[in-house]
Amino acid sequence: MTNRPTVAILGPGGVGGLLAALLSRSGHRVICLAREGTAEALRRDGIQVRSGQFEDFHAGVAADTELREPVDACLITVKHTTLDAALTRVPPAVLGDALVVPLLNGVEHPASLRTRYAPELVAPATIRVESTRVRAGDGEGVVIEHGSPFTEIDLAGAGTVRPRVDALASALTAAGVTARVVDDETAALWAKMAFLAPFALLTTRYGVPIGEARTRYRAELQALVAEAAEVGRACGAPVDPAGSLARYDLFPAAAKSSMQRDAEAGRALELDAIGGALLRAAERRGVAVPVTARLVRELGGAGA
């Protein structure tokens, strides 16, 4: 992988669009893979980012409905609910030996991706950010609203591809992201899950932003964090519940989880990938998670 790797972005939504714009602004060739209408808008008008951390800026990107050329890495930033359909845009034969870097919610997707692509090339990552693609006006292309004062990525990968993962982390860091490489994939995925699941389930169940969730529903938040941490530890990940709770206080009070935004927009929820996966792991490990189970049940019962 070169100092300026060519990167494909599967799913230029809130997360993918932000990373595409940052990498493009930093001098990388970026190819966004999306539906024809979105791809056409990206080719014509590019990406407009509205951000406090990075300030407002515009970036041009390449775009297509399917990967048709070699790249160094493909970042998968779609929702879990659309993953299977989206992967048809990334044929394994065209992808070749490029890194596959999923930034999805949940803990079960790496195993699924390793059945489609070379297992050692799948380098799971987690991202901590609040970023949303908003409806654009004519001539604006794709508009990304980045609300959190941080954009942090942890990348993991097999030892055989570690230099390439390091190079991607360096490219992301140069683009403005706080990126680091971690040794323990399981620990990274569960650290994200232990933070995300309580945030997503609580804000979506009660329809409130994080500021109200962390105050009015503090007891439930603490219980959810404790349950997720216990399941993570049972799965071999040293999850820190106090650290999770502390990070909620860094979010702007008006911040919403992506699941809550999906609920408000009438889109399919990632309830099974987040809540369902947590319940399945808890069942396998014999861990009681009554508060998590109740909220998943009340939100629709997926995975229960």
C-alpha atoms as a PDB file:
ATOM      1  CA  MET A   1       0.000   0.000   0.000  1.00  0.00           C
ATOM      2  CA  THR A   2       1.389   3.385  -1.012  1.00  0.00           C
ATOM      3  CA  ASN A   3       1.552   6.509   1.138  1.00  0.00           C
ATOM      4  CA  ARG A   4      -1.586   7.677  -0.656  1.00  0.00           C
ATOM      5  CA  PRO A   5      -3.658   4.523  -1.053  1.00  0.00           C
ATOM      6  CA  THR A   6      -6.593   4.420  -3.424  1.00  0.00           C
ATOM      7  CA  VAL A   7      -9.699   3.776  -1.349  1.00  0.00           C
ATOM      8  CA  ALA A   8     -13.159   2.562  -2.311  1.00  0.00           C
ATOM      9  CA  ILE A   9     -16.048   3.544  -0.053  1.00  0.00           C
ATOM     10  CA  LEU A  10     -19.047   1.218  -0.150  1.00  0.00           C
ATOM     11  CA  GLY A  11     -21.952   3.315   1.083  1.00  0.00           C
ATOM     12  CA  PRO A  12     -21.224   7.087   1.104  1.00  0.00           C
ATOM     13  CA  GLY A  13     -23.697   7.887   3.890  1.00  0.00           C
ATOM     14  CA  GLY A  14     -22.963   9.754   7.097  1.00  0.00           C
ATOM     15  CA  VAL A  15     -19.808   7.805   7.952  1.00  0.00           C
ATOM     16  CA  GLY A  16     -18.686   6.806   4.471  1.00  0.00           C
ATOM     17  CA  GLY A  17     -19.325  10.243   2.999  1.00  0.00           C
ATOM     18  CA  LEU A  18     -17.326  11.946   5.731  1.00  0.00           C
ATOM     19  CA  LEU A  19     -14.351   9.591   5.334  1.00  0.00           C
ATOM     20  CA  ALA A  20     -14.510   9.864   1.538  1.00  0.00           C
ATOM     21  CA  ALA A  21     -14.421  13.649   1.710  1.00  0.00           C
ATOM     22  CA  LEU A  22     -11.584  13.726   4.250  1.00  0.00           C
ATOM     23  CA  LEU A  23      -9.441  11.281   2.267  1.00  0.00           C
ATOM     24  CA  SER A  24     -10.119  13.123  -0.990  1.00  0.00           C
ATOM     25  CA  ARG A  25      -9.215  16.451   0.591  1.00  0.00           C
ATOM     26  CA  SER A  26      -5.977  14.833   1.748  1.00  0.00           C
ATOM     27  CA  GLY A  27      -5.026  13.907  -1.823  1.00  0.00           C
ATOM     28  CA  HIS A  28      -6.240  10.319  -2.163  1.00  0.00           C
ATOM     29  CA  ARG A  29      -8.155   8.846  -5.069  1.00  0.00           C
ATOM     30  CA  VAL A  30     -11.520   7.904  -3.589  1.00  0.00           C
ATOM     31  CA  ILE A  31     -14.161   5.850  -5.395  1.00  0.00           C
ATOM     32  CA  CYS A  32     -17.628   5.903  -3.827  1.00  0.00           C
ATOM     33  CA  LEU A  33     -19.824   2.896  -4.631  1.00  0.00           C
ATOM     34  CA  ALA A  34     -23.542   3.604  -4.509  1.00  0.00           C
ATOM     35  CA  ARG A  35     -26.821   3.438  -6.380  1.00  0.00           C
ATOM     36  CA  GLU A  36     -26.885   5.142  -9.768  1.00  0.00           C
ATOM     37  CA  GLY A  37     -28.673   8.286  -8.604  1.00  0.00           C
ATOM     38  CA  THR A  38     -26.255   8.846  -5.718  1.00  0.00           C
ATOM     39  CA  ALA A  39     -23.244   7.980  -7.870  1.00  0.00           C
ATOM     40  CA  GLU A  40     -24.331  10.491 -10.503  1.00  0.00           C
ATOM     41  CA  ALA A  41     -24.778  13.235  -7.891  1.00  0.00           C
ATOM     42  CA  LEU A  42     -21.348  12.469  -6.442  1.00  0.00           C
ATOM     43  CA  ARG A  43     -19.653  12.605  -9.837  1.00  0.00           C
ATOM     44  CA  ARG A  44     -21.419  15.865 -10.701  1.00  0.00           C
ATOM     45  CA  ASP A  45     -21.361  17.757  -7.414  1.00  0.00           C
ATOM     46  CA  GLY A  46     -19.047  15.938  -4.992  1.00  0.00           C
ATOM     47  CA  ILE A  47     -19.462  15.959  -1.211  1.00  0.00           C
ATOM     48  CA  GLN A  48     -20.187  18.987   0.955  1.00  0.00           C
ATOM     49  CA  VAL A  49     -19.190  18.561   4.615  1.00  0.00           C
ATOM     50  CA  ARG A  50     -20.578  20.717   7.408  1.00  0.00           C
ATOM     51  CA  SER A  51     -18.405  20.174  10.464  1.00  0.00           C
ATOM     52  CA  GLY A  52     -17.252  21.915  13.592  1.00  0.00           C
ATOM     53  CA  GLN A  53     -14.183  19.703  13.932  1.00  0.00           C
ATOM     54  CA  PHE A  54     -13.051  19.955  10.307  1.00  0.00           C
ATOM     55  CA  GLU A  55     -14.840  23.192   9.333  1.00  0.00           C
ATOM     56  CA  ASP A  56     -17.023  23.282   6.237  1.00  0.00           C
ATOM     57  CA  PHE A  57     -15.435  22.074   3.010  1.00  0.00           C
ATOM     58  CA  HIS A  58     -16.166  20.519  -0.378  1.00  0.00           C
ATOM     59  CA  ALA A  59     -14.447  17.495  -1.907  1.00  0.00           C
ATOM     60  CA  GLY A  60     -14.674  15.867  -5.304  1.00  0.00           C
ATOM     61  CA  VAL A  61     -14.731  12.076  -5.584  1.00  0.00           C
ATOM     62  CA  ALA A  62     -15.036   9.388  -8.235  1.00  0.00           C
ATOM     63  CA  ALA A  63     -18.210   7.319  -8.074  1.00  0.00           C
ATOM     64  CA  ASP A  64     -19.643   4.190  -9.634  1.00  0.00           C
ATOM     65  CA  THR A  65     -22.325   1.586  -9.039  1.00  0.00           C
ATOM     66  CA  GLU A  66     -19.743  -1.214  -8.881  1.00  0.00           C
ATOM     67  CA  LEU A  67     -16.004  -1.568  -8.263  1.00  0.00           C
ATOM     68  CA  ARG A  68     -14.299  -1.826 -11.648  1.00  0.00           C
ATOM     69  CA  GLU A  69     -10.640  -1.067 -10.899  1.00  0.00           C
ATOM     70  CA  PRO A  70      -7.961  -2.107  -8.380  1.00  0.00           C
ATOM     71  CA  VAL A  71      -7.876  -0.315  -5.036  1.00  0.00           C
ATOM     72  CA  ASP A  72      -5.714  -0.634  -1.932  1.00  0.00           C
ATOM     73  CA  ALA A  73      -8.604  -0.796   0.507  1.00  0.00           C
ATOM     74  CA  CYS A  74     -12.391  -0.916   0.494  1.00  0.00           C
ATOM     75  CA  LEU A  75     -14.143   0.656   3.464  1.00  0.00           C
ATOM     76  CA  ILE A  76     -17.588  -0.874   4.026  1.00  0.00           C
ATOM     77  CA  THR A  77     -19.781   1.771   5.636  1.00  0.00           C
ATOM     78  CA  VAL A  78     -23.320   0.645   4.820  1.00  0.00           C
ATOM     79  CA  LYS A  79     -25.913  -0.269   7.439  1.00  0.00           C
ATOM     80  CA  HIS A  80     -26.082  -3.923   8.392  1.00  0.00           C
ATOM     81  CA  THR A  81     -29.658  -4.028   7.066  1.00  0.00           C
ATOM     82  CA  THR A  82     -28.391  -3.404   3.505  1.00  0.00           C
ATOM     83  CA  LEU A  83     -25.061  -5.244   3.684  1.00  0.00           C
ATOM     84  CA  ASP A  84     -25.890  -8.299   1.578  1.00  0.00           C
ATOM     85  CA  ALA A  85     -27.311  -6.259  -1.288  1.00  0.00           C
ATOM     86  CA  ALA A  86     -24.479  -3.712  -1.128  1.00  0.00           C
ATOM     87  CA  LEU A  87     -21.739  -6.335  -1.344  1.00  0.00           C
ATOM     88  CA  THR A  88     -22.785  -7.132  -4.913  1.00  0.00           C
ATOM     89  CA  ARG A  89     -21.100  -3.817  -5.778  1.00  0.00           C
ATOM     90  CA  VAL A  90     -17.718  -5.250  -4.711  1.00  0.00           C
ATOM     91  CA  PRO A  91     -16.990  -8.394  -6.758  1.00  0.00           C
ATOM     92  CA  PRO A  92     -14.260 -10.491  -5.091  1.00  0.00           C
ATOM     93  CA  ALA A  93     -12.465 -10.972  -8.425  1.00  0.00           C
ATOM     94  CA  VAL A  94     -12.140  -7.204  -8.926  1.00  0.00           C
ATOM     95  CA  LEU A  95     -11.268  -6.519  -5.292  1.00  0.00           C
ATOM     96  CA  GLY A  96      -8.284  -8.863  -5.552  1.00  0.00           C
ATOM     97  CA  ASP A  97      -5.924  -8.532  -2.609  1.00  0.00           C
ATOM     98  CA  ALA A  98      -7.246  -5.194  -1.354  1.00  0.00           C
ATOM     99  CA  LEU A  99      -7.992  -4.788   2.334  1.00  0.00           C
ATOM    100  CA  VAL A 100     -11.668  -5.126   3.276  1.00  0.00           C
ATOM    101  CA  VAL A 101     -12.342  -2.766   6.185  1.00  0.00           C
ATOM    102  CA  PRO A 102     -15.874  -3.000   7.603  1.00  0.00           C
ATOM    103  CA  LEU A 103     -16.983  -0.142   9.855  1.00  0.00           C
ATOM    104  CA  LEU A 104     -20.327  -1.709  10.690  1.00  0.00           C
ATOM    105  CA  ASN A 105     -22.181  -1.832  13.966  1.00  0.00           C
ATOM    106  CA  GLY A 106     -22.282  -5.140  15.793  1.00  0.00           C
ATOM    107  CA  VAL A 107     -19.844  -8.024  16.225  1.00  0.00           C
ATOM    108  CA  GLU A 108     -21.028 -10.729  13.832  1.00  0.00           C
ATOM    109  CA  HIS A 109     -20.247  -9.237  10.396  1.00  0.00           C
ATOM    110  CA  PRO A 110     -16.501 -10.090  10.164  1.00  0.00           C
ATOM    111  CA  ALA A 111     -17.267 -13.818  10.089  1.00  0.00           C
ATOM    112  CA  SER A 112     -19.801 -13.268   7.302  1.00  0.00           C
ATOM    113  CA  LEU A 113     -17.400 -11.153   5.235  1.00  0.00           C
ATOM    114  CA  ARG A 114     -14.678 -13.783   5.584  1.00  0.00           C
ATOM    115  CA  THR A 115     -16.867 -16.262   3.748  1.00  0.00           C
ATOM    116  CA  ARG A 116     -17.002 -13.913   0.738  1.00  0.00           C
ATOM    117  CA  TYR A 117     -13.498 -12.420   0.674  1.00  0.00           C
ATOM    118  CA  ALA A 118     -10.049 -13.749   1.601  1.00  0.00           C
ATOM    119  CA  PRO A 119     -10.281 -14.106   5.412  1.00  0.00           C
ATOM    120  CA  GLU A 120      -6.887 -12.561   6.169  1.00  0.00           C
ATOM    121  CA  LEU A 121      -7.767  -9.462   4.109  1.00  0.00           C
ATOM    122  CA  VAL A 122     -10.792  -8.606   6.263  1.00  0.00           C
ATOM    123  CA  ALA A 123      -9.548  -6.021   8.754  1.00  0.00           C
ATOM    124  CA  PRO A 124     -12.448  -4.982  11.006  1.00  0.00           C
ATOM    125  CA  ALA A 125     -12.580  -1.446  12.302  1.00  0.00           C
ATOM    126  CA  THR A 126     -14.738   0.551  14.662  1.00  0.00           C
ATOM    127  CA  ILE A 127     -15.568   4.232  14.437  1.00  0.00           C
ATOM    128  CA  ARG A 128     -16.779   6.703  17.039  1.00  0.00           C
ATOM    129  CA  VAL A 129     -18.493   9.645  15.383  1.00  0.00           C
ATOM    130  CA  GLU A 130     -21.835  11.326  14.878  1.00  0.00           C
ATOM    131  CA  SER A 131     -22.231  12.039  11.186  1.00  0.00           C
ATOM    132  CA  THR A 132     -25.338  12.083   9.019  1.00  0.00           C
ATOM    133  CA  ARG A 133     -26.064  12.429   5.318  1.00  0.00           C
ATOM    134  CA  VAL A 134     -28.844  14.969   4.898  1.00  0.00           C
ATOM    135  CA  ARG A 135     -31.125  15.641   1.978  1.00  0.00           C
ATOM    136  CA  ALA A 136     -29.346  17.853  -0.489  1.00  0.00           C
ATOM    137  CA  GLY A 137     -30.729  20.598  -2.642  1.00  0.00           C
ATOM    138  CA  ASP A 138     -30.159  20.861  -6.382  1.00  0.00           C
ATOM    139  CA  GLY A 139     -26.499  21.224  -7.190  1.00  0.00           C
ATOM    140  CA  GLU A 140     -25.304  20.358  -3.690  1.00  0.00           C
ATOM    141  CA  GLY A 141     -24.455  16.725  -4.321  1.00  0.00           C
ATOM    142  CA  VAL A 142     -24.130  14.740  -1.102  1.00  0.00           C
ATOM    143  CA  VAL A 143     -24.233  16.801   2.091  1.00  0.00           C
ATOM    144  CA  ILE A 144     -22.747  15.435   5.316  1.00  0.00           C
ATOM    145  CA  GLU A 145     -23.460  16.967   8.723  1.00  0.00           C
ATOM    146  CA  HIS A 146     -20.725  15.988  11.159  1.00  0.00           C
ATOM    147  CA  GLY A 147     -21.838  16.772  14.701  1.00  0.00           C
ATOM    148  CA  SER A 148     -19.382  15.171  17.132  1.00  0.00           C
ATOM    149  CA  PRO A 149     -16.181  16.965  18.180  1.00  0.00           C
ATOM    150  CA  PHE A 150     -14.213  13.789  17.429  1.00  0.00           C
ATOM    151  CA  THR A 151     -13.759  11.178  14.700  1.00  0.00           C
ATOM    152  CA  GLU A 152     -11.940   8.117  16.025  1.00  0.00           C
ATOM    153  CA  ILE A 153     -11.198   4.807  14.302  1.00  0.00           C
ATOM    154  CA  ASP A 154      -9.636   1.623  15.658  1.00  0.00           C
ATOM    155  CA  LEU A 155      -8.380  -0.853  13.042  1.00  0.00           C
ATOM    156  CA  ALA A 156      -7.464  -4.497  13.561  1.00  0.00           C
ATOM    157  CA  GLY A 157      -5.972  -6.984  11.131  1.00  0.00           C
ATOM    158  CA  ALA A 158      -4.075 -10.234  10.819  1.00  0.00           C
ATOM    159  CA  GLY A 159      -0.311 -10.068  11.216  1.00  0.00           C
ATOM    160  CA  THR A 160       0.177 -10.838   7.541  1.00  0.00           C
ATOM    161  CA  VAL A 161      -1.481  -7.558   6.545  1.00  0.00           C
ATOM    162  CA  ARG A 162      -0.402  -5.458   9.528  1.00  0.00           C
ATOM    163  CA  PRO A 163       1.897  -3.170   7.469  1.00  0.00           C
ATOM    164  CA  ARG A 164      -0.999  -2.386   5.141  1.00  0.00           C
ATOM    165  CA  VAL A 165      -3.345  -1.728   8.045  1.00  0.00           C
ATOM    166  CA  ASP A 166      -0.682   0.578   9.517  1.00  0.00           C
ATOM    167  CA  ALA A 167      -0.454   2.420   6.193  1.00  0.00           C
ATOM    168  CA  LEU A 168      -4.226   2.905   6.064  1.00  0.00           C
ATOM    169  CA  ALA A 169      -4.227   4.186   9.643  1.00  0.00           C
ATOM    170  CA  SER A 170      -1.499   6.669   8.709  1.00  0.00           C
ATOM    171  CA  ALA A 171      -3.520   7.856   5.714  1.00  0.00           C
ATOM    172  CA  LEU A 172      -6.620   8.353   7.868  1.00  0.00           C
ATOM    173  CA  THR A 173      -4.595  10.194  10.499  1.00  0.00           C
ATOM    174  CA  ALA A 174      -3.116  12.496   7.867  1.00  0.00           C
ATOM    175  CA  ALA A 175      -6.676  13.190   6.685  1.00  0.00           C
ATOM    176  CA  GLY A 176      -7.679  14.366  10.180  1.00  0.00           C
ATOM    177  CA  VAL A 177      -9.100  11.199  11.744  1.00  0.00           C
ATOM    178  CA  THR A 178      -7.766   9.910  15.061  1.00  0.00           C
ATOM    179  CA  ALA A 179      -6.817   6.420  13.841  1.00  0.00           C
ATOM    180  CA  ARG A 180      -4.935   3.693  15.660  1.00  0.00           C
ATOM    181  CA  VAL A 181      -4.169   0.029  15.051  1.00  0.00           C
ATOM    182  CA  VAL A 182      -5.078  -2.435  17.790  1.00  0.00           C
ATOM    183  CA  ASP A 183      -3.949  -6.029  18.249  1.00  0.00           C
ATOM    184  CA  ASP A 184      -7.155  -7.562  19.567  1.00  0.00           C
ATOM    185  CA  GLU A 185     -10.039  -7.596  17.088  1.00  0.00           C
ATOM    186  CA  THR A 186     -12.487  -9.073  19.603  1.00  0.00           C
ATOM    187  CA  ALA A 187     -11.647  -6.423  22.187  1.00  0.00           C
ATOM    188  CA  ALA A 188     -12.103  -3.622  19.642  1.00  0.00           C
ATOM    189  CA  LEU A 189     -15.481  -4.887  18.439  1.00  0.00           C
ATOM    190  CA  TRP A 190     -16.810  -5.428  21.950  1.00  0.00           C
ATOM    191  CA  ALA A 191     -15.547  -2.076  23.203  1.00  0.00           C
ATOM    192  CA  LYS A 192     -17.679  -0.482  20.465  1.00  0.00           C
ATOM    193  CA  MET A 193     -20.635  -2.784  21.151  1.00  0.00           C
ATOM    194  CA  ALA A 194     -20.565  -2.076  24.877  1.00  0.00           C
ATOM    195  CA  PHE A 195     -20.775   1.641  24.095  1.00  0.00           C
ATOM    196  CA  LEU A 196     -23.123   1.532  21.123  1.00  0.00           C
ATOM    197  CA  ALA A 197     -25.792  -0.918  22.273  1.00  0.00           C
ATOM    198  CA  PRO A 198     -26.858   1.035  25.384  1.00  0.00           C
ATOM    199  CA  PHE A 199     -26.759   4.322  23.446  1.00  0.00           C
ATOM    200  CA  ALA A 200     -28.772   2.974  20.495  1.00  0.00           C
ATOM    201  CA  LEU A 201     -31.333   0.992  22.488  1.00  0.00           C
ATOM    202  CA  LEU A 202     -32.029   3.684  25.083  1.00  0.00           C
ATOM    203  CA  THR A 203     -32.261   6.702  22.763  1.00  0.00           C
ATOM    204  CA  THR A 204     -34.409   4.799  20.279  1.00  0.00           C
ATOM    205  CA  ARG A 205     -36.732   3.240  22.870  1.00  0.00           C
ATOM    206  CA  TYR A 206     -37.543   6.586  24.502  1.00  0.00           C
ATOM    207  CA  GLY A 207     -37.052   8.854  21.491  1.00  0.00           C
ATOM    208  CA  VAL A 208     -34.642  11.208  23.260  1.00  0.00           C
ATOM    209  CA  PRO A 209     -31.130  12.494  22.472  1.00  0.00           C
ATOM    210  CA  ILE A 210     -28.129  11.413  24.516  1.00  0.00           C
ATOM    211  CA  GLY A 211     -28.318  14.434  26.848  1.00  0.00           C
ATOM    212  CA  GLU A 212     -31.714  13.346  28.155  1.00  0.00           C
ATOM    213  CA  ALA A 213     -30.879   9.645  28.034  1.00  0.00           C
ATOM    214  CA  ARG A 214     -27.796  10.063  30.230  1.00  0.00           C
ATOM    215  CA  THR A 215     -29.689  12.050  32.853  1.00  0.00           C
ATOM    216  CA  ARG A 216     -33.361  11.113  32.925  1.00  0.00           C
ATOM    217  CA  TYR A 217     -32.688   7.415  32.230  1.00  0.00           C
ATOM    218  CA  ARG A 218     -29.324   7.172  34.007  1.00  0.00           C
ATOM    219  CA  ALA A 219     -30.174   4.036  35.979  1.00  0.00           C
ATOM    220  CA  GLU A 220     -31.208   2.143  32.850  1.00  0.00           C
ATOM    221  CA  LEU A 221     -28.135   3.402  31.009  1.00  0.00           C
ATOM    222  CA  GLN A 222     -25.888   2.135  33.788  1.00  0.00           C
ATOM    223  CA  ALA A 223     -27.649  -1.235  33.791  1.00  0.00           C
ATOM    224  CA  LEU A 224     -27.333  -1.566  30.016  1.00  0.00           C
ATOM    225  CA  VAL A 225     -23.632  -0.689  30.117  1.00  0.00           C
ATOM    226  CA  ALA A 226     -23.017  -3.195  32.919  1.00  0.00           C
ATOM    227  CA  GLU A 227     -24.815  -5.953  31.008  1.00  0.00           C
ATOM    228  CA  ALA A 228     -22.968  -5.266  27.754  1.00  0.00           C
ATOM    229  CA  ALA A 229     -19.635  -5.156  29.578  1.00  0.00           C
ATOM    230  CA  GLU A 230     -20.311  -8.495  31.271  1.00  0.00           C
ATOM    231  CA  VAL A 231     -21.135 -10.141  27.953  1.00  0.00           C
ATOM    232  CA  GLY A 232     -18.014  -8.610  26.405  1.00  0.00           C
ATOM    233  CA  ARG A 233     -15.839  -9.948  29.196  1.00  0.00           C
ATOM    234  CA  ALA A 234     -17.432 -13.387  28.799  1.00  0.00           C
ATOM    235  CA  CYS A 235     -16.473 -13.249  25.107  1.00  0.00           C
ATOM    236  CA  GLY A 236     -12.852 -12.470  26.011  1.00  0.00           C
ATOM    237  CA  ALA A 237     -12.873  -8.683  25.719  1.00  0.00           C
ATOM    238  CA  PRO A 238     -11.799  -6.496  28.672  1.00  0.00           C
ATOM    239  CA  VAL A 239     -14.629  -3.975  28.418  1.00  0.00           C
ATOM    240  CA  ASP A 240     -14.509  -0.969  30.750  1.00  0.00           C
ATOM    241  CA  PRO A 241     -18.057   0.115  31.743  1.00  0.00           C
ATOM    242  CA  ALA A 242     -16.823   3.267  33.486  1.00  0.00           C
ATOM    243  CA  GLY A 243     -15.064   4.323  30.305  1.00  0.00           C
ATOM    244  CA  SER A 244     -18.227   3.797  28.282  1.00  0.00           C
ATOM    245  CA  LEU A 245     -20.249   5.920  30.677  1.00  0.00           C
ATOM    246  CA  ALA A 246     -17.629   8.660  30.618  1.00  0.00           C
ATOM    247  CA  ARG A 247     -17.678   8.824  26.819  1.00  0.00           C
ATOM    248  CA  TYR A 248     -21.416   9.493  26.751  1.00  0.00           C
ATOM    249  CA  ASP A 249     -20.718  12.752  28.566  1.00  0.00           C
ATOM    250  CA  LEU A 250     -18.447  13.878  25.702  1.00  0.00           C
ATOM    251  CA  PHE A 251     -21.287  13.813  23.201  1.00  0.00           C
ATOM    252  CA  PRO A 252     -23.230  17.030  22.580  1.00  0.00           C
ATOM    253  CA  ALA A 253     -26.528  16.814  24.491  1.00  0.00           C
ATOM    254  CA  ALA A 254     -28.527  16.899  21.244  1.00  0.00           C
ATOM    255  CA  ALA A 255     -26.660  13.950  19.686  1.00  0.00           C
ATOM    256  CA  LYS A 256     -28.782  11.021  18.518  1.00  0.00           C
ATOM    257  CA  SER A 257     -27.841   7.440  17.782  1.00  0.00           C
ATOM    258  CA  SER A 258     -27.992   6.261  14.178  1.00  0.00           C
ATOM    259  CA  MET A 259     -30.681   3.765  15.198  1.00  0.00           C
ATOM    260  CA  GLN A 260     -32.802   6.588  16.594  1.00  0.00           C
ATOM    261  CA  ARG A 261     -32.389   8.563  13.365  1.00  0.00           C
ATOM    262  CA  ASP A 262     -33.432   5.500  11.381  1.00  0.00           C
ATOM    263  CA  ALA A 263     -36.518   5.100  13.576  1.00  0.00           C
ATOM    264  CA  GLU A 264     -37.478   8.750  13.098  1.00  0.00           C
ATOM    265  CA  ALA A 265     -37.077   8.411   9.320  1.00  0.00           C
ATOM    266  CA  GLY A 266     -39.068   5.182   9.151  1.00  0.00           C
ATOM    267  CA  ARG A 267     -36.056   3.166   7.984  1.00  0.00           C
ATOM    268  CA  ALA A 268     -35.279  -0.418   8.981  1.00  0.00           C
ATOM    269  CA  LEU A 269     -33.486  -0.609  12.333  1.00  0.00           C
ATOM    270  CA  GLU A 270     -30.181  -2.354  12.984  1.00  0.00           C
ATOM    271  CA  LEU A 271     -31.882  -3.924  15.984  1.00  0.00           C
ATOM    272  CA  ASP A 272     -30.807  -7.459  15.163  1.00  0.00           C
ATOM    273  CA  ALA A 273     -27.185  -6.516  14.434  1.00  0.00           C
ATOM    274  CA  ILE A 274     -26.900  -4.626  17.726  1.00  0.00           C
ATOM    275  CA  GLY A 275     -29.465  -5.778  20.276  1.00  0.00           C
ATOM    276  CA  GLY A 276     -30.012  -9.198  18.734  1.00  0.00           C
ATOM    277  CA  ALA A 277     -26.288  -9.934  18.513  1.00  0.00           C
ATOM    278  CA  LEU A 278     -25.832  -8.925  22.144  1.00  0.00           C
ATOM    279  CA  LEU A 279     -28.646 -11.233  23.238  1.00  0.00           C
ATOM    280  CA  ARG A 280     -27.253 -14.133  21.209  1.00  0.00           C
ATOM    281  CA  ALA A 281     -23.794 -13.701  22.709  1.00  0.00           C
ATOM    282  CA  ALA A 282     -25.299 -13.459  26.194  1.00  0.00           C
ATOM    283  CA  GLU A 283     -27.227 -16.675  25.666  1.00  0.00           C
ATOM    284  CA  ARG A 284     -24.171 -18.542  24.402  1.00  0.00           C
ATOM    285  CA  ARG A 285     -22.144 -17.418  27.424  1.00  0.00           C
ATOM    286  CA  GLY A 286     -24.902 -17.844  30.002  1.00  0.00           C
ATOM    287  CA  VAL A 287     -25.008 -14.155  30.958  1.00  0.00           C
ATOM    288  CA  ALA A 288     -28.261 -12.612  32.198  1.00  0.00           C
ATOM    289  CA  VAL A 289     -29.139  -9.339  30.423  1.00  0.00           C
ATOM    290  CA  PRO A 290     -32.700  -8.514  31.541  1.00  0.00           C
ATOM    291  CA  VAL A 291     -32.677  -4.777  30.777  1.00  0.00           C
ATOM    292  CA  THR A 292     -31.211  -5.297  27.308  1.00  0.00           C
ATOM    293  CA  ALA A 293     -33.722  -8.064  26.592  1.00  0.00           C
ATOM    294  CA  ARG A 294     -36.630  -5.858  27.652  1.00  0.00           C
ATOM    295  CA  LEU A 295     -35.601  -2.929  25.476  1.00  0.00           C
ATOM    296  CA  VAL A 296     -35.003  -5.174  22.443  1.00  0.00           C
ATOM    297  CA  ARG A 297     -38.409  -6.742  22.998  1.00  0.00           C
ATOM    298  CA  GLU A 298     -40.095  -3.366  23.322  1.00  0.00           C
ATOM    299  CA  LEU A 299     -38.367  -2.097  20.176  1.00  0.00           C
ATOM    300  CA  GLY A 300     -39.635  -4.996  18.113  1.00  0.00           C
ATOM    301  CA  GLY A 301     -38.280  -8.249  19.428  1.00  0.00           C
ATOM    302  CA  ALA A 302     -35.652  -8.797  16.710  1.00  0.00           C
ATOM    303  CA  GLY A 303     -33.158 -11.396  17.858  1.00  0.00           C
ATOM    304  CA  ALA A 304     -34.943 -11.983  21.139  1.00  0.00           C
END
